[in-house]
Amino acid sequence: MKLSRHVKLLLVVVAVVLSALPLESSAQRRRARGAEPRQGDNTERKIDALLARMTLEEKLGQLQQLDGDANGQYKAEQPELVRKGLLGSTLNVRGARISNELQRIAVEESRLKIPMLFGFDVIHGYRTIFPIPLGEAASWDPAAVERAAYVAAKREARSAERAHDQVPRRRGGEIRSQR
């Protein structure tokens, strides 16, 4: 599989950023200071142990999210990437049978058994298509924008078992996009 120049550059940048991260977790720093262990430390220990077992390629793979095709299918190369731990999530792969195929590979056939994340970009709606956010903003009708986001996220995407979506959210009285 030949990588484009942009993908190679992105991988180099991510590798540099990851190499600059501290090698110890906050739980390890607290233990070193003799601080009392917190309730979440067991989870942090499990995460630390998993990260210690991961290769750099697997860490980068967990950061990678690849798109499915226009029909909601995963692409032919994706099962092998999942098997090798080089794909952490997909976008726009839909349907229980198709999602379960990739998830089964991730938790049964990959070295570290890390589950996949499945997302669907519903910024314009899941099955119903709404105007782009710029068009909605130009309407000067925040209630209509909120209703559209609710329909896309709650009624459509969530009913299709999409827990990871990218729709505008209300934060502090404002509607903001997650992007």
C-alpha atoms as a PDB file:
ATOM      1  CA  MET A   1       0.000   0.000   0.000  1.00  0.00           C
ATOM      2  CA  LYS A   2       1.609   3.234  -1.160  1.00  0.00           C
ATOM      3  CA  LEU A   3       1.190   6.234   1.156  1.00  0.00           C
ATOM      4  CA  SER A   4       0.837   9.726  -0.212  1.00  0.00           C
ATOM      5  CA  ARG A   5       3.314  12.427   0.747  1.00  0.00           C
ATOM      6  CA  HIS A   6       0.684  14.108   2.946  1.00  0.00           C
ATOM      7  CA  VAL A   7      -0.053  10.917   4.876  1.00  0.00           C
ATOM      8  CA  LYS A   8       3.666  10.311   5.432  1.00  0.00           C
ATOM      9  CA  LEU A   9       4.090  13.892   6.677  1.00  0.00           C
ATOM     10  CA  LEU A  10       1.117  13.480   9.023  1.00  0.00           C
ATOM     11  CA  LEU A  11       2.559  10.246  10.424  1.00  0.00           C
ATOM     12  CA  VAL A  12       5.917  11.933  11.043  1.00  0.00           C
ATOM     13  CA  VAL A  13       4.238  14.859  12.830  1.00  0.00           C
ATOM     14  CA  VAL A  14       2.155  12.512  15.004  1.00  0.00           C
ATOM     15  CA  ALA A  15       5.255  10.431  15.826  1.00  0.00           C
ATOM     16  CA  VAL A  16       7.158  13.560  16.883  1.00  0.00           C
ATOM     17  CA  VAL A  17       4.262  14.727  19.061  1.00  0.00           C
ATOM     18  CA  LEU A  18       3.897  11.291  20.669  1.00  0.00           C
ATOM     19  CA  SER A  19       7.618  11.089  21.357  1.00  0.00           C
ATOM     20  CA  ALA A  20       7.438  14.415  23.208  1.00  0.00           C
ATOM     21  CA  LEU A  21       4.722  13.190  25.594  1.00  0.00           C
ATOM     22  CA  PRO A  22       5.738  12.308  29.161  1.00  0.00           C
ATOM     23  CA  LEU A  23       6.604   8.662  29.656  1.00  0.00           C
ATOM     24  CA  GLU A  24       4.755   8.368  32.952  1.00  0.00           C
ATOM     25  CA  SER A  25       1.087   8.823  33.750  1.00  0.00           C
ATOM     26  CA  SER A  26      -0.390  11.057  36.412  1.00  0.00           C
ATOM     27  CA  ALA A  27      -1.034   7.927  38.511  1.00  0.00           C
ATOM     28  CA  GLN A  28       2.662   7.020  38.332  1.00  0.00           C
ATOM     29  CA  ARG A  29       3.658  10.563  39.350  1.00  0.00           C
ATOM     30  CA  ARG A  30       1.276  10.454  42.353  1.00  0.00           C
ATOM     31  CA  ARG A  31       2.667   7.076  43.436  1.00  0.00           C
ATOM     32  CA  ALA A  32       6.225   8.424  43.143  1.00  0.00           C
ATOM     33  CA  ARG A  33       5.290  11.341  45.443  1.00  0.00           C
ATOM     34  CA  GLY A  34       3.724   8.902  47.932  1.00  0.00           C
ATOM     35  CA  ALA A  35       0.249  10.341  47.403  1.00  0.00           C
ATOM     36  CA  GLU A  36      -2.828   8.337  48.297  1.00  0.00           C
ATOM     37  CA  PRO A  37      -4.058   6.213  45.337  1.00  0.00           C
ATOM     38  CA  ARG A  38      -7.281   7.443  43.786  1.00  0.00           C
ATOM     39  CA  GLN A  39     -10.223   5.264  42.865  1.00  0.00           C
ATOM     40  CA  GLY A  40      -9.487   5.602  39.125  1.00  0.00           C
ATOM     41  CA  ASP A  41      -5.866   4.472  39.546  1.00  0.00           C
ATOM     42  CA  ASN A  42      -6.768   0.857  38.697  1.00  0.00           C
ATOM     43  CA  THR A  43      -8.131   2.039  35.367  1.00  0.00           C
ATOM     44  CA  GLU A  44      -5.052   4.175  34.834  1.00  0.00           C
ATOM     45  CA  ARG A  45      -2.823   1.168  35.617  1.00  0.00           C
ATOM     46  CA  LYS A  46      -4.665  -0.888  32.998  1.00  0.00           C
ATOM     47  CA  ILE A  47      -4.290   1.919  30.476  1.00  0.00           C
ATOM     48  CA  ASP A  48      -0.596   2.321  31.318  1.00  0.00           C
ATOM     49  CA  ALA A  49      -0.058  -1.432  30.895  1.00  0.00           C
ATOM     50  CA  LEU A  50      -1.853  -1.437  27.537  1.00  0.00           C
ATOM     51  CA  LEU A  51       0.121   1.568  26.292  1.00  0.00           C
ATOM     52  CA  ALA A  52       3.376  -0.091  27.371  1.00  0.00           C
ATOM     53  CA  ARG A  53       2.503  -3.150  25.253  1.00  0.00           C
ATOM     54  CA  MET A  54       1.605  -1.105  22.172  1.00  0.00           C
ATOM     55  CA  THR A  55       4.067  -0.471  19.386  1.00  0.00           C
ATOM     56  CA  LEU A  56       4.342   3.016  17.911  1.00  0.00           C
ATOM     57  CA  GLU A  57       2.489   1.748  14.824  1.00  0.00           C
ATOM     58  CA  GLU A  58      -0.391   0.489  16.990  1.00  0.00           C
ATOM     59  CA  LYS A  59      -0.585   3.817  18.844  1.00  0.00           C
ATOM     60  CA  LEU A  60      -0.743   5.664  15.546  1.00  0.00           C
ATOM     61  CA  GLY A  61      -3.309   3.136  14.324  1.00  0.00           C
ATOM     62  CA  GLN A  62      -5.586   3.988  17.234  1.00  0.00           C
ATOM     63  CA  LEU A  63      -5.490   7.614  16.076  1.00  0.00           C
ATOM     64  CA  GLN A  64      -6.464   6.671  12.528  1.00  0.00           C
ATOM     65  CA  GLN A  65     -10.089   6.957  11.400  1.00  0.00           C
ATOM     66  CA  LEU A  66     -10.858   5.854   7.853  1.00  0.00           C
ATOM     67  CA  ASP A  67     -14.013   6.453   5.879  1.00  0.00           C
ATOM     68  CA  GLY A  68     -16.213   3.724   4.458  1.00  0.00           C
ATOM     69  CA  ASP A  69     -17.633   3.836   0.957  1.00  0.00           C
ATOM     70  CA  ALA A  70     -20.777   5.690  -0.137  1.00  0.00           C
ATOM     71  CA  ASN A  71     -22.963   2.637   0.549  1.00  0.00           C
ATOM     72  CA  GLY A  72     -21.917   2.315   4.212  1.00  0.00           C
ATOM     73  CA  GLN A  73     -19.537  -0.590   3.580  1.00  0.00           C
ATOM     74  CA  TYR A  74     -15.999  -0.737   4.892  1.00  0.00           C
ATOM     75  CA  LYS A  75     -13.243  -0.674   2.295  1.00  0.00           C
ATOM     76  CA  ALA A  76     -11.434  -3.863   1.272  1.00  0.00           C
ATOM     77  CA  GLU A  77      -8.163  -2.987   3.056  1.00  0.00           C
ATOM     78  CA  GLN A  78      -9.783  -2.118   6.405  1.00  0.00           C
ATOM     79  CA  PRO A  79     -10.192  -5.640   7.900  1.00  0.00           C
ATOM     80  CA  GLU A  80      -6.450  -6.276   7.545  1.00  0.00           C
ATOM     81  CA  LEU A  81      -5.646  -2.870   9.080  1.00  0.00           C
ATOM     82  CA  VAL A  82      -7.910  -3.716  12.043  1.00  0.00           C
ATOM     83  CA  ARG A  83      -6.274  -7.140  12.385  1.00  0.00           C
ATOM     84  CA  LYS A  84      -2.831  -5.469  12.540  1.00  0.00           C
ATOM     85  CA  GLY A  85      -4.010  -2.833  15.051  1.00  0.00           C
ATOM     86  CA  LEU A  86      -3.534  -0.036  12.518  1.00  0.00           C
ATOM     87  CA  LEU A  87      -7.131   1.253  12.474  1.00  0.00           C
ATOM     88  CA  GLY A  88      -8.889   2.583  15.568  1.00  0.00           C
ATOM     89  CA  SER A  89     -12.165   3.829  14.132  1.00  0.00           C
ATOM     90  CA  THR A  90     -14.245   4.165  11.016  1.00  0.00           C
ATOM     91  CA  LEU A  91     -16.527   6.875   9.783  1.00  0.00           C
ATOM     92  CA  ASN A  92     -19.705   6.251   7.775  1.00  0.00           C
ATOM     93  CA  VAL A  93     -19.584   2.444   8.016  1.00  0.00           C
ATOM     94  CA  ARG A  94     -23.132   1.517   8.955  1.00  0.00           C
ATOM     95  CA  GLY A  95     -25.293  -1.485   9.669  1.00  0.00           C
ATOM     96  CA  ALA A  96     -25.072  -4.023  12.473  1.00  0.00           C
ATOM     97  CA  ARG A  97     -23.757  -6.865  10.305  1.00  0.00           C
ATOM     98  CA  ILE A  98     -20.996  -4.776   8.733  1.00  0.00           C
ATOM     99  CA  SER A  99     -19.980  -3.031  11.975  1.00  0.00           C
ATOM    100  CA  ASN A 100     -19.977  -6.352  13.843  1.00  0.00           C
ATOM    101  CA  GLU A 101     -17.672  -7.918  11.227  1.00  0.00           C
ATOM    102  CA  LEU A 102     -15.008  -5.274  11.883  1.00  0.00           C
ATOM    103  CA  GLN A 103     -15.613  -5.311  15.644  1.00  0.00           C
ATOM    104  CA  ARG A 104     -15.205  -9.109  15.753  1.00  0.00           C
ATOM    105  CA  ILE A 105     -11.863  -8.813  13.955  1.00  0.00           C
ATOM    106  CA  ALA A 106     -10.746  -6.123  16.406  1.00  0.00           C
ATOM    107  CA  VAL A 107     -11.607  -7.994  19.602  1.00  0.00           C
ATOM    108  CA  GLU A 108     -10.870 -11.558  18.468  1.00  0.00           C
ATOM    109  CA  GLU A 109      -8.127 -11.404  15.832  1.00  0.00           C
ATOM    110  CA  SER A 110      -5.996  -8.366  16.698  1.00  0.00           C
ATOM    111  CA  ARG A 111      -3.037  -8.658  19.047  1.00  0.00           C
ATOM    112  CA  LEU A 112      -4.329  -6.255  21.729  1.00  0.00           C
ATOM    113  CA  LYS A 113      -8.098  -6.854  21.343  1.00  0.00           C
ATOM    114  CA  ILE A 114      -8.925  -3.115  21.408  1.00  0.00           C
ATOM    115  CA  PRO A 115     -12.548  -2.483  20.312  1.00  0.00           C
ATOM    116  CA  MET A 116     -13.239  -0.264  17.312  1.00  0.00           C
ATOM    117  CA  LEU A 117     -15.114   3.038  17.389  1.00  0.00           C
ATOM    118  CA  PHE A 118     -17.740   3.606  14.697  1.00  0.00           C
ATOM    119  CA  GLY A 119     -18.788   7.133  13.822  1.00  0.00           C
ATOM    120  CA  PHE A 120     -21.104   8.717  11.329  1.00  0.00           C
ATOM    121  CA  ASP A 121     -20.821  12.307  10.192  1.00  0.00           C
ATOM    122  CA  VAL A 122     -24.358  13.621  10.708  1.00  0.00           C
ATOM    123  CA  ILE A 123     -23.594  17.332  10.620  1.00  0.00           C
ATOM    124  CA  HIS A 124     -26.178  17.699   7.823  1.00  0.00           C
ATOM    125  CA  GLY A 125     -28.466  14.930   9.084  1.00  0.00           C
ATOM    126  CA  TYR A 126     -28.346  11.154   9.085  1.00  0.00           C
ATOM    127  CA  ARG A 127     -31.108  10.221   6.652  1.00  0.00           C
ATOM    128  CA  THR A 128     -32.792  13.628   6.520  1.00  0.00           C
ATOM    129  CA  ILE A 129     -30.569  16.292   4.991  1.00  0.00           C
ATOM    130  CA  PHE A 130     -30.458  19.713   6.631  1.00  0.00           C
ATOM    131  CA  PRO A 131     -28.706  22.865   5.379  1.00  0.00           C
ATOM    132  CA  ILE A 132     -25.009  23.252   6.113  1.00  0.00           C
ATOM    133  CA  PRO A 133     -24.285  24.959   9.463  1.00  0.00           C
ATOM    134  CA  LEU A 134     -23.424  28.242   7.715  1.00  0.00           C
ATOM    135  CA  GLY A 135     -26.853  28.222   6.064  1.00  0.00           C
ATOM    136  CA  GLU A 136     -28.543  27.412   9.371  1.00  0.00           C
ATOM    137  CA  ALA A 137     -26.663  30.233  11.098  1.00  0.00           C
ATOM    138  CA  ALA A 138     -27.756  32.650   8.381  1.00  0.00           C
ATOM    139  CA  SER A 139     -31.373  31.877   9.282  1.00  0.00           C
ATOM    140  CA  TRP A 140     -30.875  33.641  12.655  1.00  0.00           C
ATOM    141  CA  ASP A 141     -33.152  30.996  14.158  1.00  0.00           C
ATOM    142  CA  PRO A 142     -31.227  29.167  16.920  1.00  0.00           C
ATOM    143  CA  ALA A 143     -34.303  27.127  17.843  1.00  0.00           C
ATOM    144  CA  ALA A 144     -34.535  25.733  14.293  1.00  0.00           C
ATOM    145  CA  VAL A 145     -30.817  24.909  14.339  1.00  0.00           C
ATOM    146  CA  GLU A 146     -31.221  23.096  17.645  1.00  0.00           C
ATOM    147  CA  ARG A 147     -34.256  21.150  16.360  1.00  0.00           C
ATOM    148  CA  ALA A 148     -32.298  20.059  13.273  1.00  0.00           C
ATOM    149  CA  ALA A 149     -29.359  18.893  15.400  1.00  0.00           C
ATOM    150  CA  TYR A 150     -31.753  17.049  17.725  1.00  0.00           C
ATOM    151  CA  VAL A 151     -33.420  15.243  14.820  1.00  0.00           C
ATOM    152  CA  ALA A 152     -30.066  14.306  13.283  1.00  0.00           C
ATOM    153  CA  ALA A 153     -28.478  13.114  16.523  1.00  0.00           C
ATOM    154  CA  LYS A 154     -31.296  11.759  18.681  1.00  0.00           C
ATOM    155  CA  ARG A 155     -33.981  10.599  16.336  1.00  0.00           C
ATOM    156  CA  GLU A 156     -31.945   9.371  13.401  1.00  0.00           C
ATOM    157  CA  ALA A 157     -28.326   8.613  14.275  1.00  0.00           C
ATOM    158  CA  ARG A 158     -29.022   7.337  17.795  1.00  0.00           C
ATOM    159  CA  SER A 159     -31.897   5.140  16.586  1.00  0.00           C
ATOM    160  CA  ALA A 160     -29.368   3.546  14.206  1.00  0.00           C
ATOM    161  CA  GLU A 161     -27.092   2.911  17.235  1.00  0.00           C
ATOM    162  CA  ARG A 162     -24.621   5.663  16.361  1.00  0.00           C
ATOM    163  CA  ALA A 163     -23.269   6.831  19.705  1.00  0.00           C
ATOM    164  CA  HIS A 164     -20.326   8.683  18.154  1.00  0.00           C
ATOM    165  CA  ASP A 165     -21.628  11.414  15.887  1.00  0.00           C
ATOM    166  CA  GLN A 166     -20.515  14.830  14.776  1.00  0.00           C
ATOM    167  CA  VAL A 167     -23.399  17.251  15.118  1.00  0.00           C
ATOM    168  CA  PRO A 168     -23.659  20.705  16.690  1.00  0.00           C
ATOM    169  CA  ARG A 169     -24.049  20.632  20.472  1.00  0.00           C
ATOM    170  CA  ARG A 170     -25.354  23.186  22.940  1.00  0.00           C
ATOM    171  CA  ARG A 171     -22.611  24.406  25.284  1.00  0.00           C
ATOM    172  CA  GLY A 172     -23.047  27.294  27.650  1.00  0.00           C
ATOM    173  CA  GLY A 173     -26.109  28.613  25.854  1.00  0.00           C
ATOM    174  CA  GLU A 174     -24.430  28.513  22.427  1.00  0.00           C
ATOM    175  CA  ILE A 175     -24.686  25.906  19.730  1.00  0.00           C
ATOM    176  CA  ARG A 176     -21.205  24.855  18.657  1.00  0.00           C
ATOM    177  CA  SER A 177     -19.931  22.232  16.286  1.00  0.00           C
ATOM    178  CA  GLN A 178     -17.753  19.441  17.664  1.00  0.00           C
ATOM    179  CA  ARG A 179     -15.220  19.936  14.859  1.00  0.00           C
END
